C-alpha atoms as a PDB file:
ATOM      1  CA  MET A   1       0.000   0.000   0.000  1.00  0.00           C
ATOM      2  CA  MET A   2       2.713   2.520   0.992  1.00  0.00           C
ATOM      3  CA  LYS A   3       4.760   1.561  -2.043  1.00  0.00           C
ATOM      4  CA  SER A   4       1.913   2.410  -4.409  1.00  0.00           C
ATOM      5  CA  VAL A   5       1.352   5.750  -2.652  1.00  0.00           C
ATOM      6  CA  ARG A   6       5.060   6.586  -2.920  1.00  0.00           C
ATOM      7  CA  LEU A   7       5.077   5.625  -6.602  1.00  0.00           C
ATOM      8  CA  TRP A   8       2.048   7.848  -7.184  1.00  0.00           C
ATOM      9  CA  MET A   9       3.655  10.783  -5.341  1.00  0.00           C
ATOM     10  CA  ILE A  10       6.956  10.442  -7.204  1.00  0.00           C
ATOM     11  CA  GLY A  11       5.029  10.175 -10.486  1.00  0.00           C
ATOM     12  CA  CYS A  12       3.208  13.423  -9.694  1.00  0.00           C
ATOM     13  CA  LEU A  13       6.505  15.153  -8.919  1.00  0.00           C
ATOM     14  CA  ILE A  14       8.003  13.940 -12.206  1.00  0.00           C
ATOM     15  CA  GLU A  15       4.992  15.244 -14.136  1.00  0.00           C
ATOM     16  CA  SER A  16       5.254  18.573 -12.331  1.00  0.00           C
ATOM     17  CA  GLU A  17       8.937  18.955 -13.207  1.00  0.00           C
ATOM     18  CA  TRP A  18       8.312  18.186 -16.884  1.00  0.00           C
ATOM     19  CA  ARG A  19       5.409  20.660 -17.051  1.00  0.00           C
ATOM     20  CA  ARG A  20       7.690  23.332 -15.585  1.00  0.00           C
ATOM     21  CA  ILE A  21      10.402  22.494 -18.110  1.00  0.00           C
ATOM     22  CA  ALA A  22       7.917  22.713 -21.002  1.00  0.00           C
ATOM     23  CA  SER A  23       6.672  26.081 -19.765  1.00  0.00           C
ATOM     24  CA  TRP A  24      10.173  27.506 -19.448  1.00  0.00           C
ATOM     25  CA  ARG A  25      11.135  26.175 -22.891  1.00  0.00           C
ATOM     26  CA  LYS A  26       8.138  27.963 -24.422  1.00  0.00           C
ATOM     27  CA  LYS A  27       9.111  31.177 -22.649  1.00  0.00           C
ATOM     28  CA  ALA A  28      12.706  30.845 -23.876  1.00  0.00           C
ATOM     29  CA  ALA A  29      11.521  30.232 -27.441  1.00  0.00           C
ATOM     30  CA  ARG A  30       9.354  33.370 -27.283  1.00  0.00           C
ATOM     31  CA  LEU A  31      12.321  35.419 -26.072  1.00  0.00           C
ATOM     32  CA  ILE A  32      14.570  34.074 -28.830  1.00  0.00           C
ATOM     33  CA  ASP A  33      11.879  34.664 -31.473  1.00  0.00           C
ATOM     34  CA  GLY A  34      11.527  38.195 -30.106  1.00  0.00           C
ATOM     35  CA  GLY A  35      15.190  38.874 -30.815  1.00  0.00           C
ATOM     36  CA  ALA A  36      16.704  38.497 -27.366  1.00  0.00           C
ATOM     37  CA  PRO A  37      20.386  37.565 -27.545  1.00  0.00           C
ATOM     38  CA  CYS A  38      21.257  34.093 -26.298  1.00  0.00           C
ATOM     39  CA  THR A  39      23.435  35.622 -23.611  1.00  0.00           C
ATOM     40  CA  SER A  40      20.666  37.794 -22.183  1.00  0.00           C
ATOM     41  CA  PRO A  41      20.188  37.476 -18.416  1.00  0.00           C
ATOM     42  CA  GLU A  42      16.620  36.221 -18.877  1.00  0.00           C
ATOM     43  CA  LEU A  43      17.673  33.381 -21.183  1.00  0.00           C
ATOM     44  CA  VAL A  44      20.627  32.461 -18.997  1.00  0.00           C
ATOM     45  CA  GLU A  45      18.321  32.258 -15.975  1.00  0.00           C
ATOM     46  CA  LEU A  46      15.783  30.149 -17.883  1.00  0.00           C
ATOM     47  CA  SER A  47      18.551  27.845 -19.054  1.00  0.00           C
ATOM     48  CA  ASP A  48      19.708  27.369 -15.465  1.00  0.00           C
ATOM     49  CA  ARG A  49      16.170  26.665 -14.286  1.00  0.00           C
ATOM     50  CA  ILE A  50      15.618  24.127 -17.061  1.00  0.00           C
ATOM     51  CA  ALA A  51      18.906  22.386 -16.285  1.00  0.00           C
ATOM     52  CA  ARG A  52      18.203  22.162 -12.548  1.00  0.00           C
ATOM     53  CA  SER A  53      14.661  20.956 -13.093  1.00  0.00           C
ATOM     54  CA  GLY A  54      15.849  18.405 -15.649  1.00  0.00           C
ATOM     55  CA  PHE A  55      18.328  17.015 -13.140  1.00  0.00           C
ATOM     56  CA  ARG A  56      15.633  16.855 -10.445  1.00  0.00           C
ATOM     57  CA  SER A  57      13.319  14.972 -12.803  1.00  0.00           C
ATOM     58  CA  TRP A  58      16.139  12.564 -13.707  1.00  0.00           C
ATOM     59  CA  ARG A  59      16.779  11.836 -10.017  1.00  0.00           C
ATOM     60  CA  LEU A  60      13.066  11.315  -9.387  1.00  0.00           C
ATOM     61  CA  GLN A  61      12.848   8.968 -12.369  1.00  0.00           C
ATOM     62  CA  GLN A  62      15.777   6.947 -11.011  1.00  0.00           C
ATOM     63  CA  ARG A  63      14.064   6.732  -7.609  1.00  0.00           C
ATOM     64  CA  TYR A  64      10.804   5.690  -9.300  1.00  0.00           C
ATOM     65  CA  ARG A  65      12.567   2.918 -11.238  1.00  0.00           C
ATOM     66  CA  VAL A  66      14.248   1.543  -8.127  1.00  0.00           C
ATOM     67  CA  LEU A  67      11.025   1.613  -6.116  1.00  0.00           C
ATOM     68  CA  ALA A  68       8.995   0.056  -8.952  1.00  0.00           C
ATOM     69  CA  GLY A  69      11.648  -2.550  -9.662  1.00  0.00           C
ATOM     70  CA  ILE A  70      11.977  -1.572 -13.320  1.00  0.00           C
END
């Protein structure tokens, strides 16, 4: 029972991270299409956020696999 609840919670966290990443990617694309230079502070910050969130989602996916026995 607890295992299934943990799997569900980790799954929700993974989905949340990927939704955040998708949102930030869209925002970055809009900035680039608007002519912002790739070295602009806004794009650098978005890139950092995407990288950190991607690493968090990777760690959560590893935890999910171990817990699920995949």
